[in-house]
Amino acid sequence: MNLPWHLYGMAFIYFIAGINHFRNPRLYLKIIPPYFPNPKALNAISGVAEIILGIALCIPQLSSAAAWGVIALLIAIFPTHIYMYFDPKAGMGLPKWVLFLRLPLQFALIFWAYQYT
């Protein structure tokens, strides 16, 4: 079974994003809401999850389960995007409209992943 190029594109995005959790952890630690315990562990867990899911998306026998994993991850990290919108320090200096557009973007990413379940 040939996997479509856009599935590989999605896999690449998550794989690179996962690696970036370890290359630039301060970026991610800054946006984890303070009410979540152990931000360093959460950053590492989400980074490893993105790497594994990115790889698994490319394996036909695992791609459906990986797509469900991506959906779960996107739901789990949604509070981060809300926190970024409401907390100026977490917003990384981005305009409010950009931070607002990131919220529905999560739903678009969920829909994209759902196409492979």
N, C-alpha and C. Protein backbone atom coordinates (compact mmCIF):
# COMPACT_ATOMS: atom_id res chain seq x y z
N MET A 1 0.85 -1.19 0.00
CA MET A 1 0.00 0.00 0.00
C MET A 1 0.89 1.24 0.00
N ASN A 2 0.67 2.11 -0.95
CA ASN A 2 1.42 3.36 -1.00
C ASN A 2 0.75 4.41 -0.13
N LEU A 3 1.55 5.06 0.66
CA LEU A 3 1.02 6.13 1.50
C LEU A 3 1.08 7.44 0.74
N PRO A 4 0.05 8.27 0.83
CA PRO A 4 0.04 9.53 0.10
C PRO A 4 1.10 10.50 0.62
N TRP A 5 1.55 11.35 -0.26
CA TRP A 5 2.60 12.31 0.08
C TRP A 5 2.21 13.20 1.25
N HIS A 6 0.92 13.54 1.38
CA HIS A 6 0.52 14.44 2.46
C HIS A 6 0.58 13.75 3.82
N LEU A 7 0.47 12.41 3.83
CA LEU A 7 0.67 11.68 5.08
C LEU A 7 2.14 11.75 5.48
N TYR A 8 3.02 11.60 4.50
CA TYR A 8 4.44 11.74 4.78
C TYR A 8 4.77 13.16 5.23
N GLY A 9 4.09 14.13 4.65
CA GLY A 9 4.29 15.52 5.07
C GLY A 9 3.88 15.73 6.51
N MET A 10 2.74 15.18 6.89
CA MET A 10 2.29 15.28 8.27
C MET A 10 3.28 14.58 9.19
N ALA A 11 3.72 13.40 8.79
CA ALA A 11 4.69 12.65 9.59
C ALA A 11 5.97 13.45 9.79
N PHE A 12 6.44 14.08 8.72
CA PHE A 12 7.66 14.89 8.79
C PHE A 12 7.50 16.05 9.76
N ILE A 13 6.34 16.71 9.71
CA ILE A 13 6.08 17.85 10.60
C ILE A 13 6.15 17.42 12.07
N TYR A 14 5.51 16.30 12.39
CA TYR A 14 5.51 15.85 13.79
C TYR A 14 6.89 15.37 14.21
N PHE A 15 7.59 14.69 13.31
CA PHE A 15 8.93 14.21 13.64
C PHE A 15 9.86 15.39 13.94
N ILE A 16 9.86 16.39 13.08
CA ILE A 16 10.73 17.57 13.28
C ILE A 16 10.30 18.34 14.53
N ALA A 17 9.00 18.49 14.73
CA ALA A 17 8.52 19.18 15.93
C ALA A 17 8.96 18.45 17.19
N GLY A 18 8.92 17.12 17.15
CA GLY A 18 9.37 16.33 18.30
C GLY A 18 10.84 16.54 18.59
N ILE A 19 11.64 16.53 17.56
CA ILE A 19 13.08 16.77 17.74
C ILE A 19 13.31 18.16 18.32
N ASN A 20 12.51 19.13 17.87
CA ASN A 20 12.68 20.50 18.34
C ASN A 20 12.41 20.64 19.83
N HIS A 21 11.61 19.74 20.41
CA HIS A 21 11.38 19.77 21.85
C HIS A 21 12.69 19.59 22.61
N PHE A 22 13.65 18.91 22.01
CA PHE A 22 14.93 18.65 22.65
C PHE A 22 16.01 19.64 22.20
N ARG A 23 15.87 20.18 21.00
CA ARG A 23 16.81 21.18 20.51
C ARG A 23 16.58 22.53 21.18
N ASN A 24 15.32 22.85 21.45
CA ASN A 24 14.96 24.15 21.99
C ASN A 24 13.90 24.00 23.09
N PRO A 25 14.25 23.32 24.18
CA PRO A 25 13.24 23.05 25.22
C PRO A 25 12.68 24.32 25.87
N ARG A 26 13.47 25.38 25.96
CA ARG A 26 12.99 26.61 26.61
C ARG A 26 11.75 27.16 25.91
N LEU A 27 11.69 27.03 24.59
CA LEU A 27 10.53 27.50 23.84
C LEU A 27 9.27 26.80 24.33
N TYR A 28 9.35 25.51 24.52
CA TYR A 28 8.18 24.73 24.93
C TYR A 28 7.89 24.89 26.42
N LEU A 29 8.92 24.99 27.23
CA LEU A 29 8.70 25.15 28.67
C LEU A 29 7.98 26.46 28.97
N LYS A 30 8.25 27.46 28.15
CA LYS A 30 7.63 28.78 28.33
C LYS A 30 6.12 28.74 28.08
N ILE A 31 5.66 27.81 27.26
CA ILE A 31 4.24 27.81 26.88
C ILE A 31 3.41 26.74 27.59
N ILE A 32 4.03 25.98 28.46
CA ILE A 32 3.28 24.98 29.24
C ILE A 32 2.61 25.71 30.41
N PRO A 33 1.30 25.62 30.51
CA PRO A 33 0.60 26.33 31.59
C PRO A 33 1.14 25.93 32.96
N PRO A 34 1.22 26.89 33.88
CA PRO A 34 1.81 26.62 35.20
C PRO A 34 1.02 25.63 36.04
N TYR A 35 -0.24 25.40 35.71
CA TYR A 35 -1.04 24.46 36.49
C TYR A 35 -0.76 23.01 36.11
N PHE A 36 0.09 22.78 35.08
CA PHE A 36 0.51 21.42 34.75
C PHE A 36 1.77 21.09 35.54
N PRO A 37 1.84 19.90 36.14
CA PRO A 37 3.02 19.53 36.91
C PRO A 37 4.19 19.14 36.01
N ASN A 38 5.39 19.35 36.50
CA ASN A 38 6.62 18.89 35.87
C ASN A 38 6.72 19.22 34.37
N PRO A 39 6.85 20.51 34.04
CA PRO A 39 6.92 20.91 32.64
C PRO A 39 8.06 20.25 31.85
N LYS A 40 9.20 20.01 32.50
CA LYS A 40 10.31 19.37 31.78
C LYS A 40 9.93 17.96 31.32
N ALA A 41 9.27 17.22 32.19
CA ALA A 41 8.85 15.87 31.82
C ALA A 41 7.78 15.92 30.74
N LEU A 42 6.84 16.85 30.86
CA LEU A 42 5.79 16.98 29.85
C LEU A 42 6.37 17.35 28.49
N ASN A 43 7.37 18.22 28.49
CA ASN A 43 8.03 18.58 27.24
C ASN A 43 8.70 17.36 26.62
N ALA A 44 9.41 16.60 27.43
CA ALA A 44 10.10 15.41 26.92
C ALA A 44 9.09 14.37 26.43
N ILE A 45 8.04 14.15 27.18
CA ILE A 45 7.02 13.16 26.79
C ILE A 45 6.37 13.56 25.47
N SER A 46 6.00 14.82 25.35
CA SER A 46 5.34 15.24 24.10
C SER A 46 6.32 15.21 22.94
N GLY A 47 7.59 15.53 23.18
CA GLY A 47 8.59 15.45 22.12
C GLY A 47 8.80 14.02 21.65
N VAL A 48 8.94 13.10 22.59
CA VAL A 48 9.10 11.68 22.23
C VAL A 48 7.85 11.18 21.51
N ALA A 49 6.68 11.57 22.00
CA ALA A 49 5.43 11.15 21.36
C ALA A 49 5.37 11.63 19.92
N GLU A 50 5.75 12.88 19.68
CA GLU A 50 5.71 13.41 18.31
C GLU A 50 6.69 12.66 17.40
N ILE A 51 7.86 12.35 17.91
CA ILE A 51 8.85 11.60 17.11
C ILE A 51 8.31 10.21 16.77
N ILE A 52 7.82 9.51 17.78
CA ILE A 52 7.30 8.16 17.57
C ILE A 52 6.09 8.18 16.63
N LEU A 53 5.18 9.13 16.84
CA LEU A 53 4.00 9.21 15.99
C LEU A 53 4.38 9.56 14.56
N GLY A 54 5.35 10.45 14.40
CA GLY A 54 5.81 10.79 13.05
C GLY A 54 6.35 9.59 12.32
N ILE A 55 7.12 8.77 13.00
CA ILE A 55 7.65 7.55 12.39
C ILE A 55 6.53 6.56 12.12
N ALA A 56 5.65 6.36 13.11
CA ALA A 56 4.57 5.38 12.97
C ALA A 56 3.59 5.73 11.86
N LEU A 57 3.42 7.02 11.58
CA LEU A 57 2.54 7.41 10.49
C LEU A 57 3.04 6.87 9.14
N CYS A 58 4.32 6.63 9.03
CA CYS A 58 4.93 6.15 7.78
C CYS A 58 4.90 4.64 7.65
N ILE A 59 4.44 3.95 8.65
CA ILE A 59 4.39 2.49 8.63
C ILE A 59 2.94 2.09 8.44
N PRO A 60 2.61 1.53 7.25
CA PRO A 60 1.20 1.26 6.94
C PRO A 60 0.44 0.50 8.03
N GLN A 61 1.09 -0.46 8.68
CA GLN A 61 0.41 -1.24 9.71
C GLN A 61 0.13 -0.42 10.97
N LEU A 62 0.82 0.70 11.13
CA LEU A 62 0.67 1.53 12.33
C LEU A 62 0.04 2.89 12.07
N SER A 63 -0.12 3.25 10.80
CA SER A 63 -0.52 4.63 10.49
C SER A 63 -1.88 5.01 11.06
N SER A 64 -2.84 4.09 11.07
CA SER A 64 -4.15 4.42 11.63
C SER A 64 -4.06 4.67 13.13
N ALA A 65 -3.38 3.80 13.85
CA ALA A 65 -3.21 3.99 15.29
C ALA A 65 -2.41 5.27 15.58
N ALA A 66 -1.41 5.53 14.74
CA ALA A 66 -0.61 6.75 14.92
C ALA A 66 -1.46 7.99 14.69
N ALA A 67 -2.35 7.95 13.72
CA ALA A 67 -3.23 9.09 13.47
C ALA A 67 -4.12 9.35 14.69
N TRP A 68 -4.63 8.28 15.31
CA TRP A 68 -5.40 8.44 16.55
C TRP A 68 -4.51 9.02 17.65
N GLY A 69 -3.26 8.61 17.69
CA GLY A 69 -2.31 9.16 18.66
C GLY A 69 -2.07 10.64 18.44
N VAL A 70 -1.97 11.04 17.19
CA VAL A 70 -1.80 12.47 16.87
C VAL A 70 -3.02 13.25 17.35
N ILE A 71 -4.20 12.71 17.10
CA ILE A 71 -5.43 13.38 17.55
C ILE A 71 -5.43 13.53 19.07
N ALA A 72 -5.08 12.47 19.76
CA ALA A 72 -5.02 12.53 21.24
C ALA A 72 -4.00 13.57 21.70
N LEU A 73 -2.84 13.59 21.05
CA LEU A 73 -1.81 14.55 21.42
C LEU A 73 -2.28 15.98 21.18
N LEU A 74 -2.92 16.23 20.04
CA LEU A 74 -3.40 17.58 19.74
C LEU A 74 -4.45 18.03 20.75
N ILE A 75 -5.29 17.11 21.20
CA ILE A 75 -6.27 17.45 22.24
C ILE A 75 -5.56 17.73 23.56
N ALA A 76 -4.56 16.92 23.88
CA ALA A 76 -3.85 17.07 25.15
C ALA A 76 -3.10 18.40 25.23
N ILE A 77 -2.58 18.87 24.11
CA ILE A 77 -1.79 20.11 24.14
C ILE A 77 -2.63 21.36 23.86
N PHE A 78 -3.92 21.20 23.62
CA PHE A 78 -4.78 22.35 23.35
C PHE A 78 -4.73 23.41 24.46
N PRO A 79 -4.69 23.02 25.74
CA PRO A 79 -4.59 24.05 26.79
C PRO A 79 -3.37 24.96 26.63
N THR A 80 -2.32 24.45 26.03
CA THR A 80 -1.14 25.27 25.79
C THR A 80 -1.47 26.44 24.87
N HIS A 81 -2.26 26.19 23.85
CA HIS A 81 -2.61 27.25 22.91
C HIS A 81 -3.53 28.29 23.55
N ILE A 82 -4.41 27.82 24.42
CA ILE A 82 -5.26 28.75 25.16
C ILE A 82 -4.41 29.60 26.10
N TYR A 83 -3.48 28.96 26.79
CA TYR A 83 -2.57 29.67 27.69
C TYR A 83 -1.76 30.71 26.93
N MET A 84 -1.27 30.35 25.76
CA MET A 84 -0.49 31.30 24.96
C MET A 84 -1.34 32.52 24.59
N TYR A 85 -2.60 32.30 24.31
CA TYR A 85 -3.48 33.41 23.92
C TYR A 85 -3.70 34.38 25.08
N PHE A 86 -3.88 33.84 26.28
CA PHE A 86 -4.24 34.69 27.41
C PHE A 86 -3.05 35.21 28.22
N ASP A 87 -1.90 34.58 28.14
CA ASP A 87 -0.74 35.02 28.92
C ASP A 87 0.29 35.66 27.98
N PRO A 88 0.52 36.97 28.14
CA PRO A 88 1.44 37.66 27.23
C PRO A 88 2.86 37.06 27.22
N LYS A 89 3.33 36.58 28.36
CA LYS A 89 4.68 36.00 28.40
C LYS A 89 4.75 34.71 27.59
N ALA A 90 3.69 33.93 27.63
CA ALA A 90 3.66 32.68 26.88
C ALA A 90 3.42 32.91 25.39
N GLY A 91 2.88 34.07 25.05
CA GLY A 91 2.54 34.36 23.66
C GLY A 91 3.71 34.61 22.75
N MET A 92 4.91 34.63 23.28
CA MET A 92 6.15 34.78 22.51
C MET A 92 6.16 36.04 21.64
N GLY A 93 5.42 37.06 22.06
CA GLY A 93 5.41 38.31 21.31
C GLY A 93 4.62 38.26 20.01
N LEU A 94 3.91 37.17 19.80
CA LEU A 94 3.09 37.06 18.59
C LEU A 94 1.84 37.92 18.72
N PRO A 95 1.36 38.47 17.61
CA PRO A 95 0.12 39.26 17.69
C PRO A 95 -1.05 38.38 18.17
N LYS A 96 -1.99 39.01 18.86
CA LYS A 96 -3.14 38.28 19.39
C LYS A 96 -3.90 37.54 18.29
N TRP A 97 -3.99 38.15 17.10
CA TRP A 97 -4.75 37.50 16.03
C TRP A 97 -4.08 36.21 15.57
N VAL A 98 -2.75 36.17 15.60
CA VAL A 98 -2.03 34.95 15.24
C VAL A 98 -2.29 33.88 16.29
N LEU A 99 -2.22 34.27 17.55
CA LEU A 99 -2.48 33.32 18.63
C LEU A 99 -3.93 32.82 18.58
N PHE A 100 -4.84 33.70 18.20
CA PHE A 100 -6.24 33.29 18.07
C PHE A 100 -6.42 32.29 16.93
N LEU A 101 -5.75 32.53 15.82
CA LEU A 101 -5.88 31.63 14.66
C LEU A 101 -5.28 30.25 14.94
N ARG A 102 -4.37 30.17 15.89
CA ARG A 102 -3.80 28.88 16.24
C ARG A 102 -4.84 27.96 16.88
N LEU A 103 -5.85 28.53 17.50
CA LEU A 103 -6.87 27.70 18.15
C LEU A 103 -7.66 26.87 17.13
N PRO A 104 -8.26 27.48 16.10
CA PRO A 104 -8.95 26.65 15.11
C PRO A 104 -7.99 25.82 14.26
N LEU A 105 -6.74 26.24 14.17
CA LEU A 105 -5.75 25.45 13.44
C LEU A 105 -5.61 24.06 14.07
N GLN A 106 -5.74 23.99 15.38
CA GLN A 106 -5.68 22.69 16.05
C GLN A 106 -6.78 21.75 15.53
N PHE A 107 -7.96 22.31 15.31
CA PHE A 107 -9.06 21.50 14.79
C PHE A 107 -8.79 21.05 13.36
N ALA A 108 -8.16 21.93 12.58
CA ALA A 108 -7.79 21.55 11.22
C ALA A 108 -6.75 20.43 11.24
N LEU A 109 -5.81 20.51 12.17
CA LEU A 109 -4.79 19.45 12.29
C LEU A 109 -5.43 18.14 12.75
N ILE A 110 -6.41 18.23 13.63
CA ILE A 110 -7.13 17.03 14.06
C ILE A 110 -7.86 16.41 12.87
N PHE A 111 -8.51 17.24 12.09
CA PHE A 111 -9.22 16.75 10.91
C PHE A 111 -8.25 16.09 9.93
N TRP A 112 -7.09 16.72 9.74
CA TRP A 112 -6.07 16.16 8.84
C TRP A 112 -5.67 14.76 9.31
N ALA A 113 -5.39 14.65 10.60
CA ALA A 113 -4.99 13.34 11.14
C ALA A 113 -6.14 12.34 11.02
N TYR A 114 -7.36 12.79 11.21
CA TYR A 114 -8.52 11.90 11.16
C TYR A 114 -8.66 11.23 9.78
N GLN A 115 -8.16 11.89 8.77
CA GLN A 115 -8.23 11.33 7.41
C GLN A 115 -7.50 10.00 7.29
N TYR A 116 -6.62 9.70 8.25
CA TYR A 116 -5.79 8.49 8.18
C TYR A 116 -6.14 7.47 9.25
N THR A 117 -7.28 7.64 9.92
CA THR A 117 -7.67 6.68 10.96
C THR A 117 -8.36 5.47 10.36
